PDB file of N, CA and C in Angstrom:
ATOM      1  N   MET A   1      13.931  62.826  44.759  1.00  0.00           N
ATOM      2  CA  MET A   1      12.824  63.728  44.614  1.00  0.00           C
ATOM      3  C   MET A   1      11.509  62.953  44.473  1.00  0.00           C
ATOM      4  N   LEU A   2      11.506  61.920  43.639  1.00  0.00           N
ATOM      5  CA  LEU A   2      10.297  61.114  43.475  1.00  0.00           C
ATOM      6  C   LEU A   2       9.937  60.427  44.788  1.00  0.00           C
ATOM      7  N   LEU A   3      10.943  59.915  45.479  1.00  0.00           N
ATOM      8  CA  LEU A   3      10.675  59.253  46.753  1.00  0.00           C
ATOM      9  C   LEU A   3      10.045  60.226  47.746  1.00  0.00           C
ATOM     10  N   GLN A   4      10.551  61.437  47.800  1.00  0.00           N
ATOM     11  CA  GLN A   4       9.974  62.444  48.701  1.00  0.00           C
ATOM     12  C   GLN A   4       8.528  62.756  48.316  1.00  0.00           C
ATOM     13  N   TRP A   5       8.255  62.844  47.020  1.00  0.00           N
ATOM     14  CA  TRP A   5       6.895  63.118  46.566  1.00  0.00           C
ATOM     15  C   TRP A   5       5.963  61.973  46.968  1.00  0.00           C
ATOM     16  N   LEU A   6       6.418  60.734  46.772  1.00  0.00           N
ATOM     17  CA  LEU A   6       5.600  59.583  47.150  1.00  0.00           C
ATOM     18  C   LEU A   6       5.364  59.540  48.656  1.00  0.00           C
ATOM     19  N   GLU A   7       6.400  59.857  49.428  1.00  0.00           N
ATOM     20  CA  GLU A   7       6.230  59.909  50.883  1.00  0.00           C
ATOM     21  C   GLU A   7       5.171  60.947  51.256  1.00  0.00           C
ATOM     22  N   PHE A   8       5.227  62.092  50.617  1.00  0.00           N
ATOM     23  CA  PHE A   8       4.238  63.142  50.871  1.00  0.00           C
ATOM     24  C   PHE A   8       2.843  62.669  50.469  1.00  0.00           C
ATOM     25  N   HIS A   9       2.740  62.064  49.275  1.00  0.00           N
ATOM     26  CA  HIS A   9       1.458  61.600  48.740  1.00  0.00           C
ATOM     27  C   HIS A   9       0.796  60.569  49.654  1.00  0.00           C
ATOM     28  N   TYR A  10       1.597  59.675  50.228  1.00  0.00           N
ATOM     29  CA  TYR A  10       1.053  58.626  51.091  1.00  0.00           C
ATOM     30  C   TYR A  10       1.008  59.031  52.564  1.00  0.00           C
ATOM     31  N   GLY A  11       1.336  60.279  52.856  1.00  0.00           N
ATOM     32  CA  GLY A  11       1.257  60.770  54.226  1.00  0.00           C
ATOM     33  C   GLY A  11       2.322  60.212  55.146  1.00  0.00           C
ATOM     34  N   LEU A  12       3.467  59.888  54.578  1.00  0.00           N
ATOM     35  CA  LEU A  12       4.572  59.374  55.381  1.00  0.00           C
ATOM     36  C   LEU A  12       5.446  60.533  55.833  1.00  0.00           C
ATOM     37  N   ALA A  13       6.260  60.301  56.810  1.00  0.00           N
ATOM     38  CA  ALA A  13       7.037  61.380  57.436  1.00  0.00           C
ATOM     39  C   ALA A  13       7.990  62.074  56.477  1.00  0.00           C
ATOM     40  N   GLY A  14       8.494  61.361  55.522  1.00  0.00           N
ATOM     41  CA  GLY A  14       9.460  61.970  54.616  1.00  0.00           C
ATOM     42  C   GLY A  14      10.856  61.930  55.183  1.00  0.00           C
ATOM     43  N   HIS A  15      11.732  62.594  54.511  1.00  0.00           N
ATOM     44  CA  HIS A  15      13.145  62.563  54.872  1.00  0.00           C
ATOM     45  C   HIS A  15      13.667  63.982  54.787  1.00  0.00           C
ATOM     46  N   LYS A  16      13.995  64.556  55.915  1.00  0.00           N
ATOM     47  CA  LYS A  16      14.388  65.956  55.928  1.00  0.00           C
ATOM     48  C   LYS A  16      15.891  66.172  55.974  1.00  0.00           C
ATOM     49  N   ASN A  17      16.611  65.271  56.594  1.00  0.00           N
ATOM     50  CA  ASN A  17      18.037  65.490  56.817  1.00  0.00           C
ATOM     51  C   ASN A  17      18.878  64.383  56.212  1.00  0.00           C
ATOM     52  N   ASN A  18      20.105  64.741  55.879  1.00  0.00           N
ATOM     53  CA  ASN A  18      21.071  63.740  55.464  1.00  0.00           C
ATOM     54  C   ASN A  18      21.656  63.152  56.741  1.00  0.00           C
ATOM     55  N   ASN A  19      21.269  61.947  57.073  1.00  0.00           N
ATOM     56  CA  ASN A  19      21.682  61.331  58.325  1.00  0.00           C
ATOM     57  C   ASN A  19      22.564  60.109  58.120  1.00  0.00           C
ATOM     58  N   GLU A  20      23.201  60.006  56.978  1.00  0.00           N
ATOM     59  CA  GLU A  20      23.984  58.813  56.675  1.00  0.00           C
ATOM     60  C   GLU A  20      25.101  58.595  57.697  1.00  0.00           C
ATOM     61  N   HIS A  21      25.732  59.663  58.151  1.00  0.00           N
ATOM     62  CA  HIS A  21      26.806  59.513  59.140  1.00  0.00           C
ATOM     63  C   HIS A  21      26.278  58.920  60.448  1.00  0.00           C
ATOM     64  N   LEU A  22      25.050  59.270  60.825  1.00  0.00           N
ATOM     65  CA  LEU A  22      24.447  58.696  62.029  1.00  0.00           C
ATOM     66  C   LEU A  22      24.111  57.223  61.825  1.00  0.00           C
ATOM     67  N   ARG A  23      23.626  56.907  60.643  1.00  0.00           N
ATOM     68  CA  ARG A  23      23.305  55.512  60.328  1.00  0.00           C
ATOM     69  C   ARG A  23      24.555  54.648  60.397  1.00  0.00           C
ATOM     70  N   ILE A  24      25.652  55.150  59.824  1.00  0.00           N
ATOM     71  CA  ILE A  24      26.900  54.387  59.824  1.00  0.00           C
ATOM     72  C   ILE A  24      27.393  54.185  61.255  1.00  0.00           C
ATOM     73  N   GLU A  25      27.323  55.228  62.068  1.00  0.00           N
ATOM     74  CA  GLU A  25      27.782  55.103  63.459  1.00  0.00           C
ATOM     75  C   GLU A  25      26.924  54.117  64.241  1.00  0.00           C
ATOM     76  N   GLN A  26      25.622  54.159  64.069  1.00  0.00           N
ATOM     77  CA  GLN A  26      24.763  53.195  64.757  1.00  0.00           C
ATOM     78  C   GLN A  26      25.036  51.778  64.281  1.00  0.00           C
ATOM     79  N   TYR A  27      25.280  51.624  62.993  1.00  0.00           N
ATOM     80  CA  TYR A  27      25.585  50.298  62.466  1.00  0.00           C
ATOM     81  C   TYR A  27      26.928  49.826  63.007  1.00  0.00           C
ATOM     82  N   ARG A  28      27.896  50.741  63.129  1.00  0.00           N
ATOM     83  CA  ARG A  28      29.207  50.406  63.699  1.00  0.00           C
ATOM     84  C   ARG A  28      29.026  49.894  65.128  1.00  0.00           C
ATOM     85  N   GLN A  29      28.192  50.551  65.888  1.00  0.00           N
ATOM     86  CA  GLN A  29      27.945  50.117  67.264  1.00  0.00           C
ATOM     87  C   GLN A  29      27.265  48.748  67.307  1.00  0.00           C
ATOM     88  N   ALA A  30      26.349  48.508  66.395  1.00  0.00           N
ATOM     89  CA  ALA A  30      25.692  47.197  66.323  1.00  0.00           C
ATOM     90  C   ALA A  30      26.703  46.111  65.957  1.00  0.00           C
ATOM     91  N   ILE A  31      27.624  46.435  65.063  1.00  0.00           N
ATOM     92  CA  ILE A  31      28.666  45.474  64.688  1.00  0.00           C
ATOM     93  C   ILE A  31      29.540  45.160  65.898  1.00  0.00           C
ATOM     94  N   ARG A  32      29.894  46.173  66.665  1.00  0.00           N
ATOM     95  CA  ARG A  32      30.716  45.952  67.873  1.00  0.00           C
ATOM     96  C   ARG A  32      29.993  45.019  68.846  1.00  0.00           C
ATOM     97  N   THR A  33      28.702  45.216  69.017  1.00  0.00           N
ATOM     98  CA  THR A  33      27.916  44.335  69.886  1.00  0.00           C
ATOM     99  C   THR A  33      27.907  42.916  69.331  1.00  0.00           C
ATOM    100  N   PHE A  34      27.721  42.794  68.029  1.00  0.00           N
ATOM    101  CA  PHE A  34      27.734  41.485  67.370  1.00  0.00           C
ATOM    102  C   PHE A  34      29.087  40.805  67.554  1.00  0.00           C
ATOM    103  N   LEU A  35      30.176  41.563  67.381  1.00  0.00           N
ATOM    104  CA  LEU A  35      31.520  40.997  67.495  1.00  0.00           C
ATOM    105  C   LEU A  35      31.854  40.544  68.914  1.00  0.00           C
ATOM    106  N   ALA A  36      31.223  41.135  69.902  1.00  0.00           N
ATOM    107  CA  ALA A  36      31.469  40.722  71.287  1.00  0.00           C
ATOM    108  C   ALA A  36      31.069  39.262  71.509  1.00  0.00           C
ATOM    109  N   LYS A  37      30.080  38.802  70.755  1.00  0.00           N
ATOM    110  CA  LYS A  37      29.613  37.419  70.888  1.00  0.00           C
ATOM    111  C   LYS A  37      30.099  36.524  69.753  1.00  0.00           C
ATOM    112  N   ASN A  38      30.495  37.135  68.649  1.00  0.00           N
ATOM    113  CA  ASN A  38      30.938  36.400  67.456  1.00  0.00           C
ATOM    114  C   ASN A  38      32.263  37.008  66.995  1.00  0.00           C
ATOM    115  N   PRO A  39      33.380  36.606  67.589  1.00  0.00           N
ATOM    116  CA  PRO A  39      34.641  37.314  67.370  1.00  0.00           C
ATOM    117  C   PRO A  39      35.302  37.136  66.004  1.00  0.00           C
ATOM    118  N   SER A  40      34.873  36.191  65.194  1.00  0.00           N
ATOM    119  CA  SER A  40      35.605  35.990  63.942  1.00  0.00           C
ATOM    120  C   SER A  40      34.721  35.836  62.705  1.00  0.00           C
ATOM    121  N   PRO A  41      33.828  36.779  62.433  1.00  0.00           N
ATOM    122  CA  PRO A  41      33.075  36.713  61.177  1.00  0.00           C
ATOM    123  C   PRO A  41      33.966  37.131  60.005  1.00  0.00           C
ATOM    124  N   PHE A  42      33.440  37.057  58.810  1.00  0.00           N
ATOM    125  CA  PHE A  42      34.225  37.326  57.608  1.00  0.00           C
ATOM    126  C   PHE A  42      34.819  38.725  57.565  1.00  0.00           C
ATOM    127  N   PHE A  43      34.250  39.689  58.236  1.00  0.00           N
ATOM    128  CA  PHE A  43      34.696  41.078  58.158  1.00  0.00           C
ATOM    129  C   PHE A  43      35.527  41.524  59.367  1.00  0.00           C
ATOM    130  N   ALA A  44      35.854  40.623  60.279  1.00  0.00           N
ATOM    131  CA  ALA A  44      36.497  40.996  61.547  1.00  0.00           C
ATOM    132  C   ALA A  44      37.808  41.751  61.338  1.00  0.00           C
ATOM    133  N   ARG A  45      38.661  41.287  60.449  1.00  0.00           N
ATOM    134  CA  ARG A  45      39.955  41.956  60.242  1.00  0.00           C
ATOM    135  C   ARG A  45      39.774  43.325  59.601  1.00  0.00           C
ATOM    136  N   SER A  46      38.845  43.447  58.684  1.00  0.00           N
ATOM    137  CA  SER A  46      38.561  44.750  58.072  1.00  0.00           C
ATOM    138  C   SER A  46      38.029  45.718  59.121  1.00  0.00           C
ATOM    139  N   PHE A  47      37.158  45.237  59.975  1.00  0.00           N
ATOM    140  CA  PHE A  47      36.585  46.086  61.023  1.00  0.00           C
ATOM    141  C   PHE A  47      37.664  46.540  61.997  1.00  0.00           C
ATOM    142  N   GLN A  48      38.591  45.652  62.297  1.00  0.00           N
ATOM    143  CA  GLN A  48      39.688  46.003  63.193  1.00  0.00           C
ATOM    144  C   GLN A  48      40.559  47.091  62.572  1.00  0.00           C
ATOM    145  N   ALA A  49      40.748  47.047  61.262  1.00  0.00           N
ATOM    146  CA  ALA A  49      41.588  48.032  60.568  1.00  0.00           C
ATOM    147  C   ALA A  49      40.886  49.376  60.401  1.00  0.00           C
ATOM    148  N   ASP A  50      39.587  49.367  60.075  1.00  0.00           N
ATOM    149  CA  ASP A  50      38.850  50.613  59.836  1.00  0.00           C
ATOM    150  C   ASP A  50      37.370  50.383  60.132  1.00  0.00           C
ATOM    151  N   GLN A  51      36.988  50.694  61.344  1.00  0.00           N
ATOM    152  CA  GLN A  51      35.622  50.419  61.784  1.00  0.00           C
ATOM    153  C   GLN A  51      34.579  51.193  60.982  1.00  0.00           C
ATOM    154  N   PHE A  52      34.830  52.462  60.741  1.00  0.00           N
ATOM    155  CA  PHE A  52      33.837  53.295  60.056  1.00  0.00           C
ATOM    156  C   PHE A  52      33.628  52.840  58.609  1.00  0.00           C
ATOM    157  N   ALA A  53      34.717  52.594  57.883  1.00  0.00           N
ATOM    158  CA  ALA A  53      34.598  52.170  56.481  1.00  0.00           C
ATOM    159  C   ALA A  53      33.935  50.802  56.374  1.00  0.00           C
ATOM    160  N   THR A  54      34.277  49.909  57.279  1.00  0.00           N
ATOM    161  CA  THR A  54      33.667  48.578  57.256  1.00  0.00           C
ATOM    162  C   THR A  54      32.180  48.663  57.574  1.00  0.00           C
ATOM    163  N   ALA A  55      31.835  49.485  58.561  1.00  0.00           N
ATOM    164  CA  ALA A  55      30.418  49.666  58.895  1.00  0.00           C
ATOM    165  C   ALA A  55      29.663  50.266  57.714  1.00  0.00           C
ATOM    166  N   ALA A  56      30.266  51.243  57.039  1.00  0.00           N
ATOM    167  CA  ALA A  56      29.621  51.867  55.874  1.00  0.00           C
ATOM    168  C   ALA A  56      29.394  50.837  54.775  1.00  0.00           C
ATOM    169  N   ASN A  57      30.383  49.982  54.544  1.00  0.00           N
ATOM    170  CA  ASN A  57      30.268  48.972  53.498  1.00  0.00           C
ATOM    171  C   ASN A  57      29.202  47.939  53.844  1.00  0.00           C
ATOM    172  N   LEU A  58      29.206  47.458  55.069  1.00  0.00           N
ATOM    173  CA  LEU A  58      28.206  46.466  55.471  1.00  0.00           C
ATOM    174  C   LEU A  58      26.799  47.058  55.487  1.00  0.00           C
ATOM    175  N   LEU A  59      26.690  48.318  55.874  1.00  0.00           N
ATOM    176  CA  LEU A  59      25.385  48.988  55.847  1.00  0.00           C
ATOM    177  C   LEU A  59      24.878  49.114  54.410  1.00  0.00           C
ATOM    178  N   ALA A  60      25.779  49.411  53.486  1.00  0.00           N
ATOM    179  CA  ALA A  60      25.389  49.488  52.069  1.00  0.00           C
ATOM    180  C   ALA A  60      24.902  48.125  51.575  1.00  0.00           C
ATOM    181  N   ARG A  61      25.587  47.042  51.970  1.00  0.00           N
ATOM    182  CA  ARG A  61      25.140  45.696  51.591  1.00  0.00           C
ATOM    183  C   ARG A  61      23.775  45.398  52.208  1.00  0.00           C
ATOM    184  N   ARG A  62      23.587  45.793  53.466  1.00  0.00           N
ATOM    185  CA  ARG A  62      22.306  45.599  54.147  1.00  0.00           C
ATOM    186  C   ARG A  62      21.189  46.304  53.382  1.00  0.00           C
ATOM    187  N   ASP A  63      21.458  47.536  52.971  1.00  0.00           N
ATOM    188  CA  ASP A  63      20.447  48.305  52.237  1.00  0.00           C
ATOM    189  C   ASP A  63      20.141  47.670  50.880  1.00  0.00           C
ATOM    190  N   GLU A  64      21.164  47.149  50.209  1.00  0.00           N
ATOM    191  CA  GLU A  64      20.944  46.467  48.926  1.00  0.00           C
ATOM    192  C   GLU A  64      20.053  45.246  49.118  1.00  0.00           C
ATOM    193  N   LEU A  65      20.317  44.494  50.174  1.00  0.00           N
ATOM    194  CA  LEU A  65      19.506  43.308  50.456  1.00  0.00           C
ATOM    195  C   LEU A  65      18.067  43.681  50.795  1.00  0.00           C
ATOM    196  N   LEU A  66      17.889  44.764  51.518  1.00  0.00           N
ATOM    197  CA  LEU A  66      16.543  45.248  51.840  1.00  0.00           C
ATOM    198  C   LEU A  66      15.796  45.634  50.564  1.00  0.00           C
ATOM    199  N   LEU A  67      16.475  46.350  49.659  1.00  0.00           N
ATOM    200  CA  LEU A  67      15.847  46.725  48.385  1.00  0.00           C
ATOM    201  C   LEU A  67      15.506  45.503  47.537  1.00  0.00           C
ATOM    202  N   ALA A  68      16.291  44.445  47.690  1.00  0.00           N
ATOM    203  CA  ALA A  68      16.038  43.216  46.937  1.00  0.00           C
ATOM    204  C   ALA A  68      14.885  42.403  47.527  1.00  0.00           C
ATOM    205  N   GLY A  69      14.374  42.853  48.685  1.00  0.00           N
ATOM    206  CA  GLY A  69      13.211  42.193  49.258  1.00  0.00           C
ATOM    207  C   GLY A  69      13.492  41.227  50.394  1.00  0.00           C
ATOM    208  N   TRP A  70      14.746  41.151  50.855  1.00  0.00           N
ATOM    209  CA  TRP A  70      15.054  40.237  51.950  1.00  0.00           C
ATOM    210  C   TRP A  70      14.546  40.813  53.262  1.00  0.00           C
ATOM    211  N   ASP A  71      13.977  39.970  54.102  1.00  0.00           N
ATOM    212  CA  ASP A  71      13.452  40.420  55.397  1.00  0.00           C
ATOM    213  C   ASP A  71      14.396  40.087  56.558  1.00  0.00           C
ATOM    214  N   PHE A  72      15.598  39.663  56.246  1.00  0.00           N
ATOM    215  CA  PHE A  72      16.647  39.352  57.223  1.00  0.00           C
ATOM    216  C   PHE A  72      16.324  38.138  58.082  1.00  0.00           C
ATOM    217  N   SER A  73      15.416  37.313  57.605  1.00  0.00           N
ATOM    218  CA  SER A  73      15.147  36.066  58.321  1.00  0.00           C
ATOM    219  C   SER A  73      16.181  35.030  57.890  1.00  0.00           C
ATOM    220  N   THR A  74      16.496  34.139  58.803  1.00  0.00           N
ATOM    221  CA  THR A  74      17.478  33.105  58.496  1.00  0.00           C
ATOM    222  C   THR A  74      16.765  31.773  58.340  1.00  0.00           C
ATOM    223  N   THR A  75      17.193  31.040  57.355  1.00  0.00           N
ATOM    224  CA  THR A  75      16.642  29.719  57.100  1.00  0.00           C
ATOM    225  C   THR A  75      17.792  28.731  57.005  1.00  0.00           C
ATOM    226  N   GLU A  76      17.461  27.480  56.974  1.00  0.00           N
ATOM    227  CA  GLU A  76      18.467  26.431  56.856  1.00  0.00           C
ATOM    228  C   GLU A  76      19.266  26.616  55.563  1.00  0.00           C
ATOM    229  N   GLY A  77      20.564  26.546  55.669  1.00  0.00           N
ATOM    230  CA  GLY A  77      21.423  26.629  54.498  1.00  0.00           C
ATOM    231  C   GLY A  77      21.760  28.032  54.032  1.00  0.00           C
ATOM    232  N   ILE A  78      21.383  29.048  54.788  1.00  0.00           N
ATOM    233  CA  ILE A  78      21.694  30.422  54.395  1.00  0.00           C
ATOM    234  C   ILE A  78      23.214  30.625  54.473  1.00  0.00           C
ATOM    235  N   PRO A  79      23.814  31.308  53.497  1.00  0.00           N
ATOM    236  CA  PRO A  79      25.260  31.539  53.531  1.00  0.00           C
ATOM    237  C   PRO A  79      25.688  32.286  54.799  1.00  0.00           C
ATOM    238  N   ALA A  80      26.898  32.014  55.247  1.00  0.00           N
ATOM    239  CA  ALA A  80      27.416  32.583  56.501  1.00  0.00           C
ATOM    240  C   ALA A  80      27.412  34.108  56.483  1.00  0.00           C
ATOM    241  N   ARG A  81      27.734  34.711  55.347  1.00  0.00           N
ATOM    242  CA  ARG A  81      27.769  36.176  55.279  1.00  0.00           C
ATOM    243  C   ARG A  81      26.378  36.776  55.455  1.00  0.00           C
ATOM    244  N   LEU A  82      25.392  36.153  54.859  1.00  0.00           N
ATOM    245  CA  LEU A  82      24.019  36.635  55.042  1.00  0.00           C
ATOM    246  C   LEU A  82      23.556  36.406  56.477  1.00  0.00           C
ATOM    247  N   ARG A  83      23.981  35.302  57.061  1.00  0.00           N
ATOM    248  CA  ARG A  83      23.635  35.030  58.463  1.00  0.00           C
ATOM    249  C   ARG A  83      24.222  36.113  59.372  1.00  0.00           C
ATOM    250  N   CYS A  84      25.447  36.567  59.077  1.00  0.00           N
ATOM    251  CA  CYS A  84      26.066  37.648  59.858  1.00  0.00           C
ATOM    252  C   CYS A  84      25.252  38.932  59.745  1.00  0.00           C
ATOM    253  N   ILE A  85      24.874  39.292  58.537  1.00  0.00           N
ATOM    254  CA  ILE A  85      24.105  40.525  58.333  1.00  0.00           C
ATOM    255  C   ILE A  85      22.746  40.421  59.028  1.00  0.00           C
ATOM    256  N   ALA A  86      22.129  39.251  58.962  1.00  0.00           N
ATOM    257  CA  ALA A  86      20.854  39.051  59.660  1.00  0.00           C
ATOM    258  C   ALA A  86      21.039  39.164  61.170  1.00  0.00           C
ATOM    259  N   SER A  87      22.144  38.672  61.676  1.00  0.00           N
ATOM    260  CA  SER A  87      22.418  38.758  63.115  1.00  0.00           C
ATOM    261  C   SER A  87      22.654  40.196  63.549  1.00  0.00           C
ATOM    262  N   ILE A  88      23.342  40.969  62.728  1.00  0.00           N
ATOM    263  CA  ILE A  88      23.545  42.389  63.034  1.00  0.00           C
ATOM    264  C   ILE A  88      22.197  43.107  63.027  1.00  0.00           C
ATOM    265  N   GLU A  89      21.330  42.741  62.106  1.00  0.00           N
ATOM    266  CA  GLU A  89      19.987  43.333  62.054  1.00  0.00           C
ATOM    267  C   GLU A  89      19.213  43.020  63.338  1.00  0.00           C
ATOM    268  N   LYS A  90      19.383  41.817  63.864  1.00  0.00           N
ATOM    269  CA  LYS A  90      18.725  41.460  65.129  1.00  0.00           C
ATOM    270  C   LYS A  90      19.265  42.303  66.280  1.00  0.00           C
ATOM    271  N   VAL A  91      20.570  42.584  66.264  1.00  0.00           N
ATOM    272  CA  VAL A  91      21.157  43.462  67.282  1.00  0.00           C
ATOM    273  C   VAL A  91      20.507  44.836  67.194  1.00  0.00           C
ATOM    274  N   LEU A  92      20.337  45.334  65.976  1.00  0.00           N
ATOM    275  CA  LEU A  92      19.698  46.644  65.785  1.00  0.00           C
ATOM    276  C   LEU A  92      18.262  46.640  66.292  1.00  0.00           C
ATOM    277  N   GLN A  93      17.538  45.593  65.992  1.00  0.00           N
ATOM    278  CA  GLN A  93      16.136  45.512  66.408  1.00  0.00           C
ATOM    279  C   GLN A  93      15.999  45.409  67.926  1.00  0.00           C
ATOM    280  N   ALA A  94      16.987  44.820  68.581  1.00  0.00           N
ATOM    281  CA  ALA A  94      16.956  44.689  70.037  1.00  0.00           C
ATOM    282  C   ALA A  94      17.420  45.964  70.738  1.00  0.00           C
ATOM    283  N   SER A  95      18.011  46.869  69.984  1.00  0.00           N
ATOM    284  CA  SER A  95      18.534  48.107  70.554  1.00  0.00           C
ATOM    285  C   SER A  95      17.404  49.056  70.932  1.00  0.00           C
ATOM    286  N   SER A  96      17.690  49.918  71.894  1.00  0.00           N
ATOM    287  CA  SER A  96      16.684  50.898  72.315  1.00  0.00           C
ATOM    288  C   SER A  96      16.568  52.064  71.335  1.00  0.00           C
ATOM    289  N   THR A  97      17.582  52.245  70.491  1.00  0.00           N
ATOM    290  CA  THR A  97      17.524  53.309  69.487  1.00  0.00           C
ATOM    291  C   THR A  97      17.337  52.691  68.109  1.00  0.00           C
ATOM    292  N   GLU A  98      16.465  53.278  67.344  1.00  0.00           N
ATOM    293  CA  GLU A  98      16.145  52.770  66.011  1.00  0.00           C
ATOM    294  C   GLU A  98      17.138  53.310  64.986  1.00  0.00           C
ATOM    295  N   LEU A  99      17.553  52.456  64.062  1.00  0.00           N
ATOM    296  CA  LEU A  99      18.436  52.889  62.981  1.00  0.00           C
ATOM    297  C   LEU A  99      17.679  53.902  62.129  1.00  0.00           C
ATOM    298  N   PRO A 100      18.235  55.105  61.937  1.00  0.00           N
ATOM    299  CA  PRO A 100      17.542  56.089  61.093  1.00  0.00           C
ATOM    300  C   PRO A 100      17.293  55.513  59.695  1.00  0.00           C
ATOM    301  N   ALA A 101      16.164  55.844  59.136  1.00  0.00           N
ATOM    302  CA  ALA A 101      15.792  55.313  57.824  1.00  0.00           C
ATOM    303  C   ALA A 101      16.692  55.876  56.737  1.00  0.00           C
ATOM    304  N   GLY A 102      17.225  54.989  55.936  1.00  0.00           N
ATOM    305  CA  GLY A 102      17.976  55.377  54.754  1.00  0.00           C
ATOM    306  C   GLY A 102      17.077  55.245  53.535  1.00  0.00           C
ATOM    307  N   PHE A 103      17.651  55.432  52.361  1.00  0.00           N
ATOM    308  CA  PHE A 103      16.870  55.352  51.129  1.00  0.00           C
ATOM    309  C   PHE A 103      16.140  54.015  51.028  1.00  0.00           C
ATOM    310  N   ALA A 104      16.847  52.915  51.288  1.00  0.00           N
ATOM    311  CA  ALA A 104      16.241  51.589  51.146  1.00  0.00           C
ATOM    312  C   ALA A 104      15.068  51.404  52.100  1.00  0.00           C
ATOM    313  N   ASP A 105      15.227  51.860  53.332  1.00  0.00           N
ATOM    314  CA  ASP A 105      14.141  51.749  54.314  1.00  0.00           C
ATOM    315  C   ASP A 105      12.941  52.577  53.870  1.00  0.00           C
ATOM    316  N   ARG A 106      13.211  53.795  53.438  1.00  0.00           N
ATOM    317  CA  ARG A 106      12.143  54.697  53.004  1.00  0.00           C
ATOM    318  C   ARG A 106      11.431  54.134  51.778  1.00  0.00           C
ATOM    319  N   PHE A 107      12.189  53.617  50.827  1.00  0.00           N
ATOM    320  CA  PHE A 107      11.616  53.037  49.615  1.00  0.00           C
ATOM    321  C   PHE A 107      10.716  51.856  49.966  1.00  0.00           C
ATOM    322  N   THR A 108      11.188  51.015  50.877  1.00  0.00           N
ATOM    323  CA  THR A 108      10.415  49.845  51.289  1.00  0.00           C
ATOM    324  C   THR A 108       9.105  50.253  51.953  1.00  0.00           C
ATOM    325  N   ILE A 109       9.154  51.297  52.776  1.00  0.00           N
ATOM    326  CA  ILE A 109       7.937  51.791  53.431  1.00  0.00           C
ATOM    327  C   ILE A 109       6.948  52.316  52.394  1.00  0.00           C
ATOM    328  N   VAL A 110       7.438  53.083  51.423  1.00  0.00           N
ATOM    329  CA  VAL A 110       6.563  53.599  50.360  1.00  0.00           C
ATOM    330  C   VAL A 110       5.984  52.443  49.559  1.00  0.00           C
ATOM    331  N   GLU A 111       6.823  51.464  49.232  1.00  0.00           N
ATOM    332  CA  GLU A 111       6.361  50.311  48.453  1.00  0.00           C
ATOM    333  C   GLU A 111       5.231  49.574  49.174  1.00  0.00           C
ATOM    334  N   LYS A 112       5.349  49.427  50.481  1.00  0.00           N
ATOM    335  CA  LYS A 112       4.303  48.744  51.254  1.00  0.00           C
ATOM    336  C   LYS A 112       3.006  49.545  51.288  1.00  0.00           C
ATOM    337  N   ASN A 113       3.107  50.864  51.119  1.00  0.00           N
ATOM    338  CA  ASN A 113       1.917  51.720  51.137  1.00  0.00           C
ATOM    339  C   ASN A 113       1.288  51.894  49.758  1.00  0.00           C
ATOM    340  N   CYS A 114       1.970  51.468  48.708  1.00  0.00           N
ATOM    341  CA  CYS A 114       1.423  51.571  47.349  1.00  0.00           C
ATOM    342  C   CYS A 114       0.320  50.535  47.157  1.00  0.00           C
ATOM    343  N   PRO A 115      -0.722  50.908  46.461  1.00  0.00           N
ATOM    344  CA  PRO A 115      -1.735  49.908  46.111  1.00  0.00           C
ATOM    345  C   PRO A 115      -1.089  48.790  45.296  1.00  0.00           C
ATOM    346  N   SER A 116      -1.555  47.580  45.470  1.00  0.00           N
ATOM    347  CA  SER A 116      -0.941  46.436  44.797  1.00  0.00           C
ATOM    348  C   SER A 116      -0.982  46.566  43.280  1.00  0.00           C
ATOM    349  N   SER A 117      -1.925  47.317  42.740  1.00  0.00           N
ATOM    350  CA  SER A 117      -2.008  47.486  41.283  1.00  0.00           C
ATOM    351  C   SER A 117      -0.849  48.320  40.746  1.00  0.00           C
ATOM    352  N   PHE A 118      -0.155  49.063  41.610  1.00  0.00           N
ATOM    353  CA  PHE A 118       0.972  49.894  41.179  1.00  0.00           C
ATOM    354  C   PHE A 118       2.318  49.194  41.322  1.00  0.00           C
ATOM    355  N   ARG A 119       2.336  48.053  41.949  1.00  0.00           N
ATOM    356  CA  ARG A 119       3.597  47.369  42.238  1.00  0.00           C
ATOM    357  C   ARG A 119       4.085  46.582  41.038  1.00  0.00           C
ATOM    358  N   HIS A 120       5.389  46.495  40.959  1.00  0.00           N
ATOM    359  CA  HIS A 120       6.033  45.694  39.922  1.00  0.00           C
ATOM    360  C   HIS A 120       5.864  44.225  40.293  1.00  0.00           C
ATOM    361  N   PRO A 121       5.602  43.373  39.309  1.00  0.00           N
ATOM    362  CA  PRO A 121       5.380  41.946  39.623  1.00  0.00           C
ATOM    363  C   PRO A 121       6.584  41.267  40.223  1.00  0.00           C
TER     364      PRO A 121
END
């Protein structure tokens, strides 16, 4: 509710529908594209057993990392699991369809629109 109010206050589009199932499916498709070039990441066996649940779990981790302030850039020495998530994010960014905004995406957009005096240090 607060997020919706802030979106309204800052003139952002807001969030009208529960689109989590669409987000998971798009993320599943991005994972499949990633796996075509990288056949054995840490989650490959889980994805083979249950694609939807694995995509949902990895998407949740992606959203947690976004809320923590990570921009999905890779640097020297980054752990392999984070490198995988960053690579999946690159697949999404290269796609013609945009991943629907989830809570983390919406929160990040609102945070960027807040005056710096309102931000947490």
